[in-house]
N, C-alpha and C. Protein backbone atom coordinates (compact mmCIF):
# COMPACT_ATOMS: atom_id res chain seq x y z
N MET A 1 -18.66 19.90 -16.21
CA MET A 1 -19.45 18.94 -15.49
C MET A 1 -19.69 19.46 -14.08
N THR A 2 -20.92 19.38 -13.63
CA THR A 2 -21.28 19.80 -12.29
C THR A 2 -20.83 18.74 -11.29
N HIS A 3 -20.28 19.18 -10.17
CA HIS A 3 -19.86 18.26 -9.12
C HIS A 3 -20.83 18.36 -7.95
N ARG A 4 -21.15 17.24 -7.36
CA ARG A 4 -22.02 17.17 -6.20
C ARG A 4 -21.24 16.58 -5.04
N THR A 5 -21.61 16.91 -3.85
CA THR A 5 -20.97 16.36 -2.66
C THR A 5 -21.88 15.28 -2.07
N ILE A 6 -21.28 14.14 -1.76
CA ILE A 6 -22.03 13.08 -1.09
C ILE A 6 -21.24 12.66 0.15
N GLU A 7 -21.93 12.10 1.12
CA GLU A 7 -21.28 11.59 2.31
C GLU A 7 -21.39 10.08 2.30
N VAL A 8 -20.29 9.41 2.67
CA VAL A 8 -20.30 7.95 2.75
C VAL A 8 -19.81 7.55 4.13
N ASP A 9 -20.25 6.38 4.58
CA ASP A 9 -19.79 5.91 5.89
C ASP A 9 -18.40 5.28 5.76
N GLU A 10 -17.81 4.91 6.89
CA GLU A 10 -16.44 4.37 6.91
C GLU A 10 -16.31 3.09 6.10
N GLU A 11 -17.32 2.24 6.14
CA GLU A 11 -17.26 0.97 5.41
C GLU A 11 -17.22 1.21 3.90
N VAL A 12 -18.03 2.13 3.41
CA VAL A 12 -18.03 2.46 1.99
C VAL A 12 -16.72 3.11 1.60
N PHE A 13 -16.21 4.01 2.43
CA PHE A 13 -14.94 4.66 2.13
C PHE A 13 -13.81 3.64 2.07
N ALA A 14 -13.81 2.67 2.99
CA ALA A 14 -12.79 1.61 2.98
C ALA A 14 -12.89 0.79 1.69
N PHE A 15 -14.11 0.52 1.24
CA PHE A 15 -14.31 -0.20 -0.02
C PHE A 15 -13.72 0.59 -1.18
N LEU A 16 -13.98 1.89 -1.22
CA LEU A 16 -13.42 2.73 -2.28
C LEU A 16 -11.90 2.70 -2.26
N GLN A 17 -11.30 2.74 -1.07
CA GLN A 17 -9.85 2.69 -0.97
C GLN A 17 -9.30 1.36 -1.47
N GLN A 18 -9.99 0.28 -1.18
CA GLN A 18 -9.53 -1.04 -1.61
C GLN A 18 -9.55 -1.17 -3.12
N HIS A 19 -10.40 -0.43 -3.78
CA HIS A 19 -10.53 -0.53 -5.23
C HIS A 19 -9.87 0.63 -5.97
N CYS A 20 -9.07 1.41 -5.26
CA CYS A 20 -8.42 2.56 -5.90
C CYS A 20 -7.05 2.19 -6.44
N GLU A 21 -6.62 2.95 -7.41
CA GLU A 21 -5.25 2.90 -7.89
C GLU A 21 -4.57 4.05 -7.15
N PRO A 22 -3.70 3.74 -6.16
CA PRO A 22 -3.11 4.80 -5.33
C PRO A 22 -2.46 5.90 -6.16
N LEU A 23 -2.69 7.11 -5.75
CA LEU A 23 -2.15 8.33 -6.36
C LEU A 23 -2.72 8.63 -7.74
N ILE A 24 -3.67 7.82 -8.19
CA ILE A 24 -4.27 8.04 -9.50
C ILE A 24 -5.77 8.27 -9.37
N ASP A 25 -6.47 7.34 -8.72
CA ASP A 25 -7.92 7.38 -8.63
C ASP A 25 -8.42 8.31 -7.54
N THR A 26 -9.51 8.99 -7.86
CA THR A 26 -10.29 9.70 -6.85
C THR A 26 -11.47 8.79 -6.50
N PRO A 27 -12.17 9.05 -5.40
CA PRO A 27 -13.37 8.24 -5.14
C PRO A 27 -14.35 8.26 -6.32
N ASN A 28 -14.47 9.40 -6.99
CA ASN A 28 -15.34 9.48 -8.16
C ASN A 28 -14.89 8.53 -9.26
N ASP A 29 -13.57 8.42 -9.49
CA ASP A 29 -13.05 7.51 -10.50
C ASP A 29 -13.43 6.06 -10.19
N VAL A 30 -13.31 5.69 -8.92
CA VAL A 30 -13.64 4.31 -8.52
C VAL A 30 -15.13 4.05 -8.74
N LEU A 31 -15.97 4.97 -8.28
CA LEU A 31 -17.41 4.80 -8.47
C LEU A 31 -17.78 4.75 -9.95
N ARG A 32 -17.20 5.63 -10.74
CA ARG A 32 -17.49 5.64 -12.18
C ARG A 32 -17.10 4.31 -12.82
N ARG A 33 -15.92 3.80 -12.47
CA ARG A 33 -15.44 2.54 -13.04
C ARG A 33 -16.35 1.38 -12.63
N LEU A 34 -16.71 1.33 -11.35
CA LEU A 34 -17.50 0.20 -10.85
C LEU A 34 -18.97 0.27 -11.24
N LEU A 35 -19.52 1.47 -11.29
CA LEU A 35 -20.95 1.60 -11.53
C LEU A 35 -21.32 1.83 -13.00
N LEU A 36 -20.47 2.53 -13.74
CA LEU A 36 -20.84 2.91 -15.10
C LEU A 36 -20.13 2.13 -16.19
N SER A 37 -19.00 1.53 -15.89
CA SER A 37 -18.25 0.86 -16.95
C SER A 37 -18.61 -0.61 -17.10
N GLY A 38 -19.37 -1.15 -16.15
CA GLY A 38 -19.71 -2.56 -16.22
C GLY A 38 -18.66 -3.47 -15.63
N GLU A 39 -17.59 -2.90 -15.05
CA GLU A 39 -16.56 -3.72 -14.42
C GLU A 39 -17.18 -4.44 -13.22
N SER A 40 -16.86 -5.72 -13.09
CA SER A 40 -17.44 -6.47 -11.97
C SER A 40 -16.73 -6.13 -10.68
N ILE A 41 -17.48 -6.18 -9.60
CA ILE A 41 -16.94 -5.94 -8.28
C ILE A 41 -16.53 -7.27 -7.70
N GLU A 42 -15.31 -7.34 -7.19
CA GLU A 42 -14.77 -8.59 -6.68
C GLU A 42 -15.37 -8.96 -5.34
N PRO A 43 -15.37 -10.24 -5.03
CA PRO A 43 -15.82 -10.67 -3.71
C PRO A 43 -14.87 -10.18 -2.64
N GLN A 44 -15.37 -10.09 -1.41
CA GLN A 44 -14.57 -9.59 -0.29
C GLN A 44 -13.74 -10.69 0.37
N ASP A 45 -13.39 -11.75 -0.36
CA ASP A 45 -12.66 -12.87 0.24
C ASP A 45 -11.15 -12.73 0.07
N GLY A 46 -10.67 -11.54 -0.20
CA GLY A 46 -9.24 -11.33 -0.34
C GLY A 46 -8.75 -11.46 -1.77
N ALA A 47 -9.65 -11.64 -2.73
CA ALA A 47 -9.24 -11.76 -4.12
C ALA A 47 -8.63 -10.45 -4.58
N THR A 48 -7.67 -10.53 -5.47
CA THR A 48 -7.00 -9.33 -5.95
C THR A 48 -7.78 -8.73 -7.11
N ARG A 49 -7.48 -7.48 -7.39
CA ARG A 49 -8.13 -6.79 -8.49
C ARG A 49 -7.66 -7.39 -9.81
N PRO A 50 -8.52 -7.41 -10.82
CA PRO A 50 -8.11 -7.95 -12.10
C PRO A 50 -7.11 -7.06 -12.82
N ARG A 51 -7.07 -5.77 -12.50
CA ARG A 51 -6.15 -4.86 -13.15
C ARG A 51 -4.71 -5.24 -12.80
N ARG A 52 -3.84 -5.21 -13.77
CA ARG A 52 -2.44 -5.57 -13.55
C ARG A 52 -1.70 -4.37 -12.96
N GLN A 53 -0.97 -4.62 -11.88
CA GLN A 53 -0.18 -3.56 -11.24
C GLN A 53 1.25 -3.60 -11.75
N ARG A 54 1.85 -2.45 -11.84
CA ARG A 54 3.28 -2.42 -12.14
C ARG A 54 4.00 -2.91 -10.89
N PRO A 55 5.23 -3.42 -11.03
CA PRO A 55 5.96 -3.89 -9.84
C PRO A 55 6.22 -2.74 -8.88
N GLY A 56 6.10 -3.03 -7.60
CA GLY A 56 6.39 -2.04 -6.58
C GLY A 56 7.88 -1.95 -6.31
N ALA A 57 8.27 -0.95 -5.53
CA ALA A 57 9.68 -0.70 -5.25
C ALA A 57 10.35 -1.84 -4.49
N LEU A 58 9.57 -2.67 -3.81
CA LEU A 58 10.16 -3.78 -3.05
C LEU A 58 10.33 -5.04 -3.88
N ARG A 59 9.91 -5.03 -5.12
CA ARG A 59 10.01 -6.22 -5.97
C ARG A 59 11.44 -6.76 -6.07
N PRO A 60 12.45 -5.92 -6.25
CA PRO A 60 13.82 -6.46 -6.31
C PRO A 60 14.23 -7.19 -5.03
N LEU A 61 13.76 -6.71 -3.87
CA LEU A 61 14.07 -7.39 -2.61
C LEU A 61 13.37 -8.74 -2.54
N LEU A 62 12.16 -8.81 -3.07
CA LEU A 62 11.44 -10.08 -3.14
C LEU A 62 12.16 -11.05 -4.07
N ASP A 63 12.53 -10.56 -5.25
CA ASP A 63 13.20 -11.41 -6.24
C ASP A 63 14.52 -11.96 -5.71
N ALA A 64 15.21 -11.17 -4.88
CA ALA A 64 16.49 -11.60 -4.31
C ALA A 64 16.32 -12.50 -3.09
N GLY A 65 15.09 -12.66 -2.62
CA GLY A 65 14.85 -13.50 -1.46
C GLY A 65 15.16 -12.84 -0.13
N LEU A 66 15.35 -11.52 -0.13
CA LEU A 66 15.65 -10.80 1.11
C LEU A 66 14.40 -10.57 1.94
N ILE A 67 13.25 -10.52 1.28
CA ILE A 67 11.96 -10.44 1.96
C ILE A 67 11.01 -11.37 1.22
N THR A 68 9.87 -11.66 1.81
CA THR A 68 8.87 -12.50 1.15
C THR A 68 7.50 -11.82 1.23
N ALA A 69 6.64 -12.18 0.28
CA ALA A 69 5.28 -11.65 0.29
C ALA A 69 4.61 -12.06 1.60
N GLY A 70 3.91 -11.12 2.20
CA GLY A 70 3.25 -11.36 3.47
C GLY A 70 4.05 -10.90 4.67
N ASP A 71 5.33 -10.56 4.45
CA ASP A 71 6.16 -10.06 5.55
C ASP A 71 5.61 -8.73 6.06
N SER A 72 5.82 -8.49 7.34
CA SER A 72 5.42 -7.23 7.96
C SER A 72 6.59 -6.27 8.03
N LEU A 73 6.28 -4.99 7.84
CA LEU A 73 7.24 -3.91 8.01
C LEU A 73 6.68 -3.00 9.09
N ARG A 74 7.56 -2.44 9.91
CA ARG A 74 7.09 -1.63 11.04
C ARG A 74 7.93 -0.35 11.16
N HIS A 75 7.24 0.72 11.53
CA HIS A 75 7.91 1.98 11.86
C HIS A 75 7.33 2.47 13.18
N GLU A 76 8.20 2.74 14.13
CA GLU A 76 7.75 3.21 15.44
C GLU A 76 8.05 4.69 15.60
N GLN A 77 7.10 5.39 16.18
CA GLN A 77 7.25 6.79 16.53
C GLN A 77 7.09 6.88 18.05
N PRO A 78 8.19 6.69 18.80
CA PRO A 78 8.09 6.62 20.26
C PRO A 78 7.48 7.86 20.91
N ARG A 79 7.85 9.05 20.43
CA ARG A 79 7.32 10.26 21.06
C ARG A 79 5.82 10.41 20.86
N ARG A 80 5.34 9.92 19.74
CA ARG A 80 3.90 9.97 19.48
C ARG A 80 3.20 8.70 19.97
N ARG A 81 4.01 7.76 20.47
CA ARG A 81 3.50 6.47 20.94
C ARG A 81 2.65 5.79 19.86
N MET A 82 3.22 5.77 18.65
CA MET A 82 2.52 5.15 17.52
C MET A 82 3.41 4.12 16.86
N VAL A 83 2.80 3.06 16.38
CA VAL A 83 3.48 2.03 15.62
C VAL A 83 2.70 1.86 14.32
N HIS A 84 3.41 1.93 13.20
CA HIS A 84 2.79 1.79 11.89
C HIS A 84 3.27 0.49 11.27
N GLU A 85 2.35 -0.30 10.75
CA GLU A 85 2.71 -1.56 10.11
C GLU A 85 2.08 -1.64 8.73
N VAL A 86 2.79 -2.31 7.85
CA VAL A 86 2.30 -2.62 6.51
C VAL A 86 2.70 -4.05 6.19
N THR A 87 2.09 -4.59 5.15
CA THR A 87 2.40 -5.93 4.68
C THR A 87 2.93 -5.84 3.26
N VAL A 88 3.96 -6.62 2.96
CA VAL A 88 4.53 -6.66 1.62
C VAL A 88 3.66 -7.56 0.74
N THR A 89 3.29 -7.07 -0.44
CA THR A 89 2.51 -7.89 -1.38
C THR A 89 3.44 -8.64 -2.32
N SER A 90 2.90 -9.60 -3.04
CA SER A 90 3.71 -10.38 -3.98
C SER A 90 4.25 -9.53 -5.12
N GLY A 91 3.62 -8.39 -5.38
CA GLY A 91 4.08 -7.49 -6.43
C GLY A 91 5.08 -6.45 -5.96
N GLY A 92 5.46 -6.51 -4.68
CA GLY A 92 6.42 -5.54 -4.15
C GLY A 92 5.79 -4.25 -3.67
N TRP A 93 4.47 -4.23 -3.52
CA TRP A 93 3.76 -3.07 -2.99
C TRP A 93 3.66 -3.19 -1.48
N LEU A 94 3.27 -2.11 -0.83
CA LEU A 94 3.06 -2.10 0.61
C LEU A 94 1.58 -1.91 0.87
N LYS A 95 0.99 -2.84 1.62
CA LYS A 95 -0.44 -2.82 1.89
C LYS A 95 -0.69 -2.36 3.31
N LEU A 96 -1.43 -1.27 3.44
CA LEU A 96 -1.79 -0.75 4.75
C LEU A 96 -2.90 -1.59 5.37
N PRO A 97 -3.08 -1.50 6.68
CA PRO A 97 -4.15 -2.26 7.33
C PRO A 97 -5.54 -1.98 6.75
N ASP A 98 -5.75 -0.77 6.19
CA ASP A 98 -7.07 -0.46 5.62
C ASP A 98 -7.24 -1.01 4.20
N GLY A 99 -6.20 -1.68 3.68
CA GLY A 99 -6.28 -2.30 2.36
C GLY A 99 -5.70 -1.48 1.24
N CYS A 100 -5.46 -0.20 1.45
CA CYS A 100 -4.89 0.64 0.41
C CYS A 100 -3.43 0.24 0.20
N GLN A 101 -2.98 0.24 -1.07
CA GLN A 101 -1.64 -0.19 -1.39
C GLN A 101 -0.84 0.94 -2.02
N PHE A 102 0.46 0.94 -1.75
CA PHE A 102 1.36 1.95 -2.28
C PHE A 102 2.57 1.27 -2.91
N ALA A 103 3.05 1.83 -4.01
CA ALA A 103 4.17 1.25 -4.74
C ALA A 103 5.50 1.50 -4.06
N THR A 104 5.59 2.56 -3.25
CA THR A 104 6.87 2.89 -2.62
C THR A 104 6.72 2.98 -1.10
N PRO A 105 7.79 2.65 -0.39
CA PRO A 105 7.75 2.76 1.07
C PRO A 105 7.48 4.18 1.55
N SER A 106 8.05 5.16 0.88
CA SER A 106 7.88 6.55 1.33
C SER A 106 6.43 7.02 1.22
N ARG A 107 5.74 6.63 0.14
CA ARG A 107 4.33 7.01 0.01
C ARG A 107 3.48 6.33 1.07
N ALA A 108 3.78 5.06 1.34
CA ALA A 108 3.01 4.32 2.36
C ALA A 108 3.21 4.95 3.74
N LEU A 109 4.46 5.22 4.09
CA LEU A 109 4.74 5.77 5.41
C LEU A 109 4.22 7.20 5.54
N ALA A 110 4.29 7.96 4.46
CA ALA A 110 3.73 9.32 4.49
C ALA A 110 2.23 9.27 4.75
N GLU A 111 1.56 8.30 4.15
CA GLU A 111 0.12 8.14 4.37
C GLU A 111 -0.15 7.82 5.84
N GLN A 112 0.70 6.98 6.43
CA GLN A 112 0.48 6.58 7.82
C GLN A 112 0.83 7.67 8.83
N THR A 113 1.89 8.42 8.55
CA THR A 113 2.35 9.42 9.52
C THR A 113 1.76 10.81 9.28
N GLY A 114 1.28 11.04 8.07
CA GLY A 114 0.73 12.35 7.75
C GLY A 114 1.79 13.39 7.43
N THR A 115 3.00 12.94 7.16
CA THR A 115 4.09 13.86 6.84
C THR A 115 5.03 13.22 5.83
N THR A 116 5.80 14.04 5.13
CA THR A 116 6.79 13.51 4.20
C THR A 116 7.89 12.84 5.00
N ILE A 117 8.21 11.60 4.63
CA ILE A 117 9.17 10.82 5.40
C ILE A 117 9.80 9.75 4.50
N ASN A 118 11.04 9.42 4.78
CA ASN A 118 11.74 8.38 4.03
C ASN A 118 11.23 7.02 4.49
N GLY A 119 10.47 6.36 3.66
CA GLY A 119 9.89 5.07 4.01
C GLY A 119 10.87 3.92 4.06
N TRP A 120 12.07 4.12 3.56
CA TRP A 120 13.06 3.04 3.60
C TRP A 120 13.56 2.80 5.03
N ILE A 121 13.04 3.58 6.00
CA ILE A 121 13.38 3.32 7.40
C ILE A 121 12.43 2.32 8.04
N TYR A 122 11.38 1.89 7.31
CA TYR A 122 10.56 0.79 7.83
C TYR A 122 11.49 -0.35 8.20
N VAL A 123 11.20 -1.04 9.29
CA VAL A 123 12.00 -2.19 9.71
C VAL A 123 11.30 -3.46 9.25
N HIS A 124 12.06 -4.32 8.58
CA HIS A 124 11.57 -5.63 8.17
C HIS A 124 11.50 -6.48 9.44
N VAL A 125 10.30 -6.79 9.89
CA VAL A 125 10.11 -7.43 11.19
C VAL A 125 10.85 -8.77 11.28
N ALA A 126 10.79 -9.59 10.25
CA ALA A 126 11.40 -10.93 10.30
C ALA A 126 12.91 -10.89 10.50
N SER A 127 13.58 -9.91 9.89
CA SER A 127 15.04 -9.83 10.01
C SER A 127 15.50 -8.79 11.02
N GLY A 128 14.61 -7.86 11.38
CA GLY A 128 14.98 -6.79 12.30
C GLY A 128 15.82 -5.71 11.64
N ARG A 129 15.90 -5.74 10.32
CA ARG A 129 16.74 -4.77 9.59
C ARG A 129 15.88 -3.74 8.85
N PRO A 130 16.35 -2.49 8.81
CA PRO A 130 15.63 -1.47 8.03
C PRO A 130 15.69 -1.80 6.54
N LEU A 131 14.67 -1.38 5.82
CA LEU A 131 14.64 -1.63 4.37
C LEU A 131 15.85 -1.06 3.66
N HIS A 132 16.33 0.11 4.10
CA HIS A 132 17.47 0.71 3.39
C HIS A 132 18.71 -0.18 3.49
N GLU A 133 18.87 -0.92 4.58
CA GLU A 133 20.00 -1.86 4.70
C GLU A 133 19.83 -3.02 3.73
N LEU A 134 18.62 -3.53 3.62
CA LEU A 134 18.37 -4.63 2.68
C LEU A 134 18.59 -4.17 1.24
N ARG A 135 18.15 -2.95 0.93
CA ARG A 135 18.37 -2.40 -0.41
C ARG A 135 19.85 -2.23 -0.69
N ASP A 136 20.61 -1.73 0.31
CA ASP A 136 22.05 -1.56 0.14
C ASP A 136 22.74 -2.90 -0.06
N GLN A 137 22.30 -3.92 0.67
CA GLN A 137 22.88 -5.26 0.52
C GLN A 137 22.64 -5.78 -0.89
N LEU A 138 21.45 -5.57 -1.40
CA LEU A 138 21.13 -6.01 -2.76
C LEU A 138 22.02 -5.32 -3.78
N GLU A 139 22.27 -4.03 -3.59
CA GLU A 139 23.12 -3.28 -4.52
C GLU A 139 24.57 -3.75 -4.47
N ARG A 140 25.02 -4.19 -3.29
CA ARG A 140 26.40 -4.68 -3.15
C ARG A 140 26.58 -6.07 -3.76
N ASP A 141 25.55 -6.89 -3.66
CA ASP A 141 25.66 -8.29 -4.13
C ASP A 141 25.59 -8.43 -5.62
């Protein structure tokens, strides 16, 4: 199959990211699914995708009541003067401000920092505790 290069603006790229399956879909996969398969495109009112997601790595913390859907997680990089935030979804995924979701903290934080990093160092804003402490507490209980 011949491949062609196209350019898209930031708004279109953000749309493609919102409709991607992280680590699986390419922009071409998203376009093919939405344009050629007849799959309906969801409204932009915050509705979730019809595709069922597997539970994310934070699901056990949600089930135990240690965190709740909608909670913020934060990682600060003082030397770079950067703060990275994500939101916990009801499925235990981490949602970046651009709408892209990741099943594991490490993949989400790697996306934000541009480097391989242990995402369990995200701090749960509501409790002030790192995720790894909450995970350890769950394993002890």
